[in-house]
């Protein structure tokens, strides 16, 4: 596992020990960022089920100005911090140990909003639609913001979740990536 492109291209990343965390493969990471970028001129990201932090770190490497990393597993938090330090991204990162529901409540209290949200929850506990509905209700996603969902290939996500419209869906073996964009006011009226 490594940083695929950008300022930290080629930098190896540590994986979370054990088999509870499934890192995004370099192939999927490259494809995913080609769909939403591939490079950014600033923006704030949220890596909600961060695991090793690979998606958020890739986002910073490709130009995001800041990413908040959240995972509930202590081992994952330790690995994220090590990977961020190895890439010298401490000033562009915040790392928190929390579950997704509580993390969203904390972010709402801080009036945080995001341009890019990466959701890669454990496949056995898919909660993508529920999380996106909460993000929509609480205005966590900026206008034109993007939500990237990584999930099992056999999960079919709806074309519309709140004000998020599915704009891309690709399968890579047993993994699928579905990308949503927040509808603007003009687009909402046409629905």
C-alpha atoms as a PDB file:
ATOM      1  CA  UNK A   1       0.000   0.000   0.000  1.00  0.00           C
ATOM      2  CA  UNK A   2       1.365   3.397  -0.969  1.00  0.00           C
ATOM      3  CA  UNK A   3       0.450   6.967  -1.891  1.00  0.00           C
ATOM      4  CA  UNK A   4      -0.388   6.716  -5.586  1.00  0.00           C
ATOM      5  CA  UNK A   5       0.108  10.312  -6.763  1.00  0.00           C
ATOM      6  CA  UNK A   6       0.759  13.906  -5.749  1.00  0.00           C
ATOM      7  CA  UNK A   7       3.277  15.420  -3.341  1.00  0.00           C
ATOM      8  CA  UNK A   8       3.857  12.128  -1.476  1.00  0.00           C
ATOM      9  CA  UNK A   9       3.752   9.848  -4.528  1.00  0.00           C
ATOM     10  CA  UNK A  10       5.310   6.451  -3.864  1.00  0.00           C
ATOM     11  CA  UNK A  11       5.442   6.837  -0.072  1.00  0.00           C
ATOM     12  CA  UNK A  12       4.649   3.452   1.529  1.00  0.00           C
ATOM     13  CA  UNK A  13       1.761   3.389   4.008  1.00  0.00           C
ATOM     14  CA  UNK A  14       1.397   1.012   6.926  1.00  0.00           C
ATOM     15  CA  UNK A  15      -1.723  -1.150   7.132  1.00  0.00           C
ATOM     16  CA  UNK A  16      -3.731  -1.719  10.289  1.00  0.00           C
ATOM     17  CA  UNK A  17      -2.643  -5.076  11.803  1.00  0.00           C
ATOM     18  CA  UNK A  18      -5.189  -7.897  11.840  1.00  0.00           C
ATOM     19  CA  UNK A  19      -8.077  -8.544   9.483  1.00  0.00           C
ATOM     20  CA  UNK A  20     -10.721  -6.146  10.818  1.00  0.00           C
ATOM     21  CA  UNK A  21      -9.655  -3.360   8.451  1.00  0.00           C
ATOM     22  CA  UNK A  22      -9.613  -3.742   4.684  1.00  0.00           C
ATOM     23  CA  UNK A  23      -7.330  -1.192   2.990  1.00  0.00           C
ATOM     24  CA  UNK A  24      -8.338   0.301  -0.347  1.00  0.00           C
ATOM     25  CA  UNK A  25      -6.097  -1.162  -3.038  1.00  0.00           C
ATOM     26  CA  UNK A  26      -3.836   1.170  -5.010  1.00  0.00           C
ATOM     27  CA  UNK A  27      -5.760   0.299  -8.200  1.00  0.00           C
ATOM     28  CA  UNK A  28      -9.111   1.288  -6.668  1.00  0.00           C
ATOM     29  CA  UNK A  29      -7.590   4.394  -5.062  1.00  0.00           C
ATOM     30  CA  UNK A  30      -6.181   5.544  -8.419  1.00  0.00           C
ATOM     31  CA  UNK A  31      -9.510   4.953 -10.181  1.00  0.00           C
ATOM     32  CA  UNK A  32     -11.489   6.668  -7.430  1.00  0.00           C
ATOM     33  CA  UNK A  33      -9.344   9.813  -7.486  1.00  0.00           C
ATOM     34  CA  UNK A  34      -9.406   9.922 -11.289  1.00  0.00           C
ATOM     35  CA  UNK A  35     -13.210  10.085 -10.998  1.00  0.00           C
ATOM     36  CA  UNK A  36     -13.296  12.996  -8.516  1.00  0.00           C
ATOM     37  CA  UNK A  37     -10.071  14.903  -9.247  1.00  0.00           C
ATOM     38  CA  UNK A  38      -7.545  13.687  -9.924  1.00  0.00           C
ATOM     39  CA  UNK A  39      -5.944  16.727  -8.215  1.00  0.00           C
ATOM     40  CA  UNK A  40      -7.402  19.437  -6.030  1.00  0.00           C
ATOM     41  CA  UNK A  41      -6.851  23.126  -5.472  1.00  0.00           C
ATOM     42  CA  UNK A  42      -7.648  23.122  -1.762  1.00  0.00           C
ATOM     43  CA  UNK A  43     -10.793  21.839  -0.080  1.00  0.00           C
ATOM     44  CA  UNK A  44     -11.591  20.065   3.169  1.00  0.00           C
ATOM     45  CA  UNK A  45     -11.979  16.298   3.386  1.00  0.00           C
ATOM     46  CA  UNK A  46     -13.453  13.832   5.864  1.00  0.00           C
ATOM     47  CA  UNK A  47     -12.205  10.240   5.999  1.00  0.00           C
ATOM     48  CA  UNK A  48     -14.929   8.790   8.243  1.00  0.00           C
ATOM     49  CA  UNK A  49     -13.930   5.107   8.446  1.00  0.00           C
ATOM     50  CA  UNK A  50     -10.287   5.958   7.982  1.00  0.00           C
ATOM     51  CA  UNK A  51      -8.621   2.588   8.697  1.00  0.00           C
ATOM     52  CA  UNK A  52      -4.988   3.275   7.756  1.00  0.00           C
ATOM     53  CA  UNK A  53      -5.854   6.782   6.519  1.00  0.00           C
ATOM     54  CA  UNK A  54      -4.993   5.916   2.915  1.00  0.00           C
ATOM     55  CA  UNK A  55      -7.870   7.787   1.244  1.00  0.00           C
ATOM     56  CA  UNK A  56      -7.469  10.990   3.245  1.00  0.00           C
ATOM     57  CA  UNK A  57      -3.687  10.955   2.877  1.00  0.00           C
ATOM     58  CA  UNK A  58      -4.088  10.463  -0.877  1.00  0.00           C
ATOM     59  CA  UNK A  59      -6.451  13.454  -0.896  1.00  0.00           C
ATOM     60  CA  UNK A  60      -3.914  15.683   0.884  1.00  0.00           C
ATOM     61  CA  UNK A  61      -1.134  14.450  -1.406  1.00  0.00           C
ATOM     62  CA  UNK A  62      -3.315  15.487  -4.369  1.00  0.00           C
ATOM     63  CA  UNK A  63      -4.016  18.982  -3.026  1.00  0.00           C
ATOM     64  CA  UNK A  64      -6.702  18.974  -0.308  1.00  0.00           C
ATOM     65  CA  UNK A  65      -5.800  21.592   2.288  1.00  0.00           C
ATOM     66  CA  UNK A  66      -7.013  19.554   5.272  1.00  0.00           C
ATOM     67  CA  UNK A  67      -8.537  16.175   6.127  1.00  0.00           C
ATOM     68  CA  UNK A  68     -10.208  14.982   9.322  1.00  0.00           C
ATOM     69  CA  UNK A  69      -9.587  11.279   9.958  1.00  0.00           C
ATOM     70  CA  UNK A  70     -11.985   9.312  12.145  1.00  0.00           C
ATOM     71  CA  UNK A  71     -11.944   5.670  13.149  1.00  0.00           C
ATOM     72  CA  UNK A  72     -13.177   3.859  16.233  1.00  0.00           C
ATOM     73  CA  UNK A  73     -10.350   1.313  16.470  1.00  0.00           C
ATOM     74  CA  UNK A  74      -7.306   2.275  18.607  1.00  0.00           C
ATOM     75  CA  UNK A  75      -4.962   0.290  16.302  1.00  0.00           C
ATOM     76  CA  UNK A  76      -6.271   2.222  13.297  1.00  0.00           C
ATOM     77  CA  UNK A  77      -5.771   5.589  15.034  1.00  0.00           C
ATOM     78  CA  UNK A  78      -2.150   4.658  15.810  1.00  0.00           C
ATOM     79  CA  UNK A  79      -1.485   3.632  12.177  1.00  0.00           C
ATOM     80  CA  UNK A  80      -3.163   6.779  10.801  1.00  0.00           C
ATOM     81  CA  UNK A  81      -0.951   8.947  13.016  1.00  0.00           C
ATOM     82  CA  UNK A  82       2.171   7.055  11.900  1.00  0.00           C
ATOM     83  CA  UNK A  83       1.227   7.362   8.210  1.00  0.00           C
ATOM     84  CA  UNK A  84       0.461  11.086   8.534  1.00  0.00           C
ATOM     85  CA  UNK A  85       3.790  11.647  10.282  1.00  0.00           C
ATOM     86  CA  UNK A  86       5.673   9.657   7.610  1.00  0.00           C
ATOM     87  CA  UNK A  87       4.089  11.881   4.936  1.00  0.00           C
ATOM     88  CA  UNK A  88       4.738  15.061   6.974  1.00  0.00           C
ATOM     89  CA  UNK A  89       1.041  15.990   6.904  1.00  0.00           C
ATOM     90  CA  UNK A  90       0.493  16.739  10.606  1.00  0.00           C
ATOM     91  CA  UNK A  91      -0.475  20.368   9.970  1.00  0.00           C
ATOM     92  CA  UNK A  92      -3.086  19.340   7.405  1.00  0.00           C
ATOM     93  CA  UNK A  93      -4.670  16.596   9.513  1.00  0.00           C
ATOM     94  CA  UNK A  94      -6.869  16.041  12.536  1.00  0.00           C
ATOM     95  CA  UNK A  95      -7.281  12.489  13.872  1.00  0.00           C
ATOM     96  CA  UNK A  96     -10.068  11.383  16.224  1.00  0.00           C
ATOM     97  CA  UNK A  97     -11.075   8.076  17.741  1.00  0.00           C
ATOM     98  CA  UNK A  98     -14.853   7.884  17.584  1.00  0.00           C
ATOM     99  CA  UNK A  99     -17.678   5.955  15.963  1.00  0.00           C
ATOM    100  CA  UNK A 100     -19.341   7.453  12.894  1.00  0.00           C
ATOM    101  CA  UNK A 101     -22.568   8.603  14.590  1.00  0.00           C
ATOM    102  CA  UNK A 102     -20.832  10.419  17.450  1.00  0.00           C
ATOM    103  CA  UNK A 103     -18.221  11.833  15.106  1.00  0.00           C
ATOM    104  CA  UNK A 104     -20.918  13.399  12.924  1.00  0.00           C
ATOM    105  CA  UNK A 105     -22.540  14.982  15.996  1.00  0.00           C
ATOM    106  CA  UNK A 106     -19.169  16.437  17.056  1.00  0.00           C
ATOM    107  CA  UNK A 107     -18.520  17.812  13.551  1.00  0.00           C
ATOM    108  CA  UNK A 108     -21.987  19.391  13.476  1.00  0.00           C
ATOM    109  CA  UNK A 109     -21.308  21.084  16.838  1.00  0.00           C
ATOM    110  CA  UNK A 110     -18.125  22.526  15.343  1.00  0.00           C
ATOM    111  CA  UNK A 111     -20.114  23.766  12.299  1.00  0.00           C
ATOM    112  CA  UNK A 112     -17.754  21.843  10.027  1.00  0.00           C
ATOM    113  CA  UNK A 113     -18.553  21.397   6.341  1.00  0.00           C
ATOM    114  CA  UNK A 114     -16.714  19.321   3.761  1.00  0.00           C
ATOM    115  CA  UNK A 115     -15.921  19.304   0.058  1.00  0.00           C
ATOM    116  CA  UNK A 116     -15.002  15.599  -0.072  1.00  0.00           C
ATOM    117  CA  UNK A 117     -16.224  12.820   2.203  1.00  0.00           C
ATOM    118  CA  UNK A 118     -14.771   9.321   1.987  1.00  0.00           C
ATOM    119  CA  UNK A 119     -17.003   6.543   3.344  1.00  0.00           C
ATOM    120  CA  UNK A 120     -15.538   3.057   3.488  1.00  0.00           C
ATOM    121  CA  UNK A 121     -17.368   1.346   6.374  1.00  0.00           C
ATOM    122  CA  UNK A 122     -16.966  -2.330   7.212  1.00  0.00           C
ATOM    123  CA  UNK A 123     -18.916  -4.248   4.568  1.00  0.00           C
ATOM    124  CA  UNK A 124     -20.824  -6.258   7.187  1.00  0.00           C
ATOM    125  CA  UNK A 125     -22.152  -3.056   8.744  1.00  0.00           C
ATOM    126  CA  UNK A 126     -23.183  -1.008   5.717  1.00  0.00           C
ATOM    127  CA  UNK A 127     -24.801   2.209   6.833  1.00  0.00           C
ATOM    128  CA  UNK A 128     -24.044   4.429   3.862  1.00  0.00           C
ATOM    129  CA  UNK A 129     -27.590   5.642   3.089  1.00  0.00           C
ATOM    130  CA  UNK A 130     -28.311   6.416   6.752  1.00  0.00           C
ATOM    131  CA  UNK A 131     -25.051   8.377   7.101  1.00  0.00           C
ATOM    132  CA  UNK A 132     -25.636  10.331   3.890  1.00  0.00           C
ATOM    133  CA  UNK A 133     -29.173  11.242   4.989  1.00  0.00           C
ATOM    134  CA  UNK A 134     -27.768  12.616   8.263  1.00  0.00           C
ATOM    135  CA  UNK A 135     -25.080  14.551   6.383  1.00  0.00           C
ATOM    136  CA  UNK A 136     -27.761  16.043   4.139  1.00  0.00           C
ATOM    137  CA  UNK A 137     -30.057  17.015   7.028  1.00  0.00           C
ATOM    138  CA  UNK A 138     -27.199  18.607   8.965  1.00  0.00           C
ATOM    139  CA  UNK A 139     -25.664  20.444   5.960  1.00  0.00           C
ATOM    140  CA  UNK A 140     -22.249  18.774   6.410  1.00  0.00           C
ATOM    141  CA  UNK A 141     -21.489  18.813   2.679  1.00  0.00           C
ATOM    142  CA  UNK A 142     -20.656  22.038   0.851  1.00  0.00           C
ATOM    143  CA  UNK A 143     -22.446  22.968  -2.384  1.00  0.00           C
ATOM    144  CA  UNK A 144     -20.927  20.862  -5.188  1.00  0.00           C
ATOM    145  CA  UNK A 145     -19.447  18.603  -2.496  1.00  0.00           C
ATOM    146  CA  UNK A 146     -18.713  14.961  -3.261  1.00  0.00           C
ATOM    147  CA  UNK A 147     -19.271  11.788  -1.244  1.00  0.00           C
ATOM    148  CA  UNK A 148     -17.238   8.733  -2.199  1.00  0.00           C
ATOM    149  CA  UNK A 149     -18.664   5.388  -1.046  1.00  0.00           C
ATOM    150  CA  UNK A 150     -16.604   2.218  -1.195  1.00  0.00           C
ATOM    151  CA  UNK A 151     -18.689  -0.900  -0.684  1.00  0.00           C
ATOM    152  CA  UNK A 152     -19.186  -4.521  -1.643  1.00  0.00           C
ATOM    153  CA  UNK A 153     -19.842  -5.089  -5.361  1.00  0.00           C
ATOM    154  CA  UNK A 154     -23.254  -6.634  -4.623  1.00  0.00           C
ATOM    155  CA  UNK A 155     -24.617  -3.557  -2.795  1.00  0.00           C
ATOM    156  CA  UNK A 156     -26.831  -1.345  -4.976  1.00  0.00           C
ATOM    157  CA  UNK A 157     -27.082   2.192  -3.632  1.00  0.00           C
ATOM    158  CA  UNK A 158     -30.005   4.456  -4.647  1.00  0.00           C
ATOM    159  CA  UNK A 159     -29.541   7.031  -7.399  1.00  0.00           C
ATOM    160  CA  UNK A 160     -30.700   9.800  -5.040  1.00  0.00           C
ATOM    161  CA  UNK A 161     -30.134  10.119  -1.265  1.00  0.00           C
ATOM    162  CA  UNK A 162     -31.538  13.373   0.080  1.00  0.00           C
ATOM    163  CA  UNK A 163     -29.869  16.047  -2.058  1.00  0.00           C
ATOM    164  CA  UNK A 164     -27.056  13.732  -3.139  1.00  0.00           C
ATOM    165  CA  UNK A 165     -27.252  12.434  -6.699  1.00  0.00           C
ATOM    166  CA  UNK A 166     -25.260   9.409  -7.829  1.00  0.00           C
ATOM    167  CA  UNK A 167     -22.870  10.540 -10.573  1.00  0.00           C
ATOM    168  CA  UNK A 168     -20.567   7.497 -10.945  1.00  0.00           C
ATOM    169  CA  UNK A 169     -20.611   3.819 -10.123  1.00  0.00           C
ATOM    170  CA  UNK A 170     -17.801   1.392 -10.950  1.00  0.00           C
ATOM    171  CA  UNK A 171     -16.983  -2.174  -9.925  1.00  0.00           C
ATOM    172  CA  UNK A 172     -13.481  -3.522  -9.321  1.00  0.00           C
ATOM    173  CA  UNK A 173     -13.782  -7.233  -8.589  1.00  0.00           C
ATOM    174  CA  UNK A 174     -15.485  -7.600  -5.196  1.00  0.00           C
ATOM    175  CA  UNK A 175     -15.293  -3.829  -4.526  1.00  0.00           C
ATOM    176  CA  UNK A 176     -17.551  -1.109  -5.896  1.00  0.00           C
ATOM    177  CA  UNK A 177     -17.190   2.667  -5.757  1.00  0.00           C
ATOM    178  CA  UNK A 178     -20.251   4.902  -5.908  1.00  0.00           C
ATOM    179  CA  UNK A 179     -19.829   8.663  -6.052  1.00  0.00           C
ATOM    180  CA  UNK A 180     -22.473  11.228  -5.155  1.00  0.00           C
ATOM    181  CA  UNK A 181     -22.533  14.963  -5.777  1.00  0.00           C
ATOM    182  CA  UNK A 182     -24.652  17.424  -3.817  1.00  0.00           C
ATOM    183  CA  UNK A 183     -27.366  18.971  -5.958  1.00  0.00           C
ATOM    184  CA  UNK A 184     -27.382  22.745  -6.238  1.00  0.00           C
ATOM    185  CA  UNK A 185     -30.568  24.800  -5.839  1.00  0.00           C
ATOM    186  CA  UNK A 186     -31.263  24.945  -9.592  1.00  0.00           C
ATOM    187  CA  UNK A 187     -30.872  21.179  -9.911  1.00  0.00           C
ATOM    188  CA  UNK A 188     -33.181  20.563  -6.955  1.00  0.00           C
ATOM    189  CA  UNK A 189     -35.957  22.512  -8.648  1.00  0.00           C
ATOM    190  CA  UNK A 190     -35.793  20.292 -11.728  1.00  0.00           C
ATOM    191  CA  UNK A 191     -36.445  17.165  -9.652  1.00  0.00           C
END
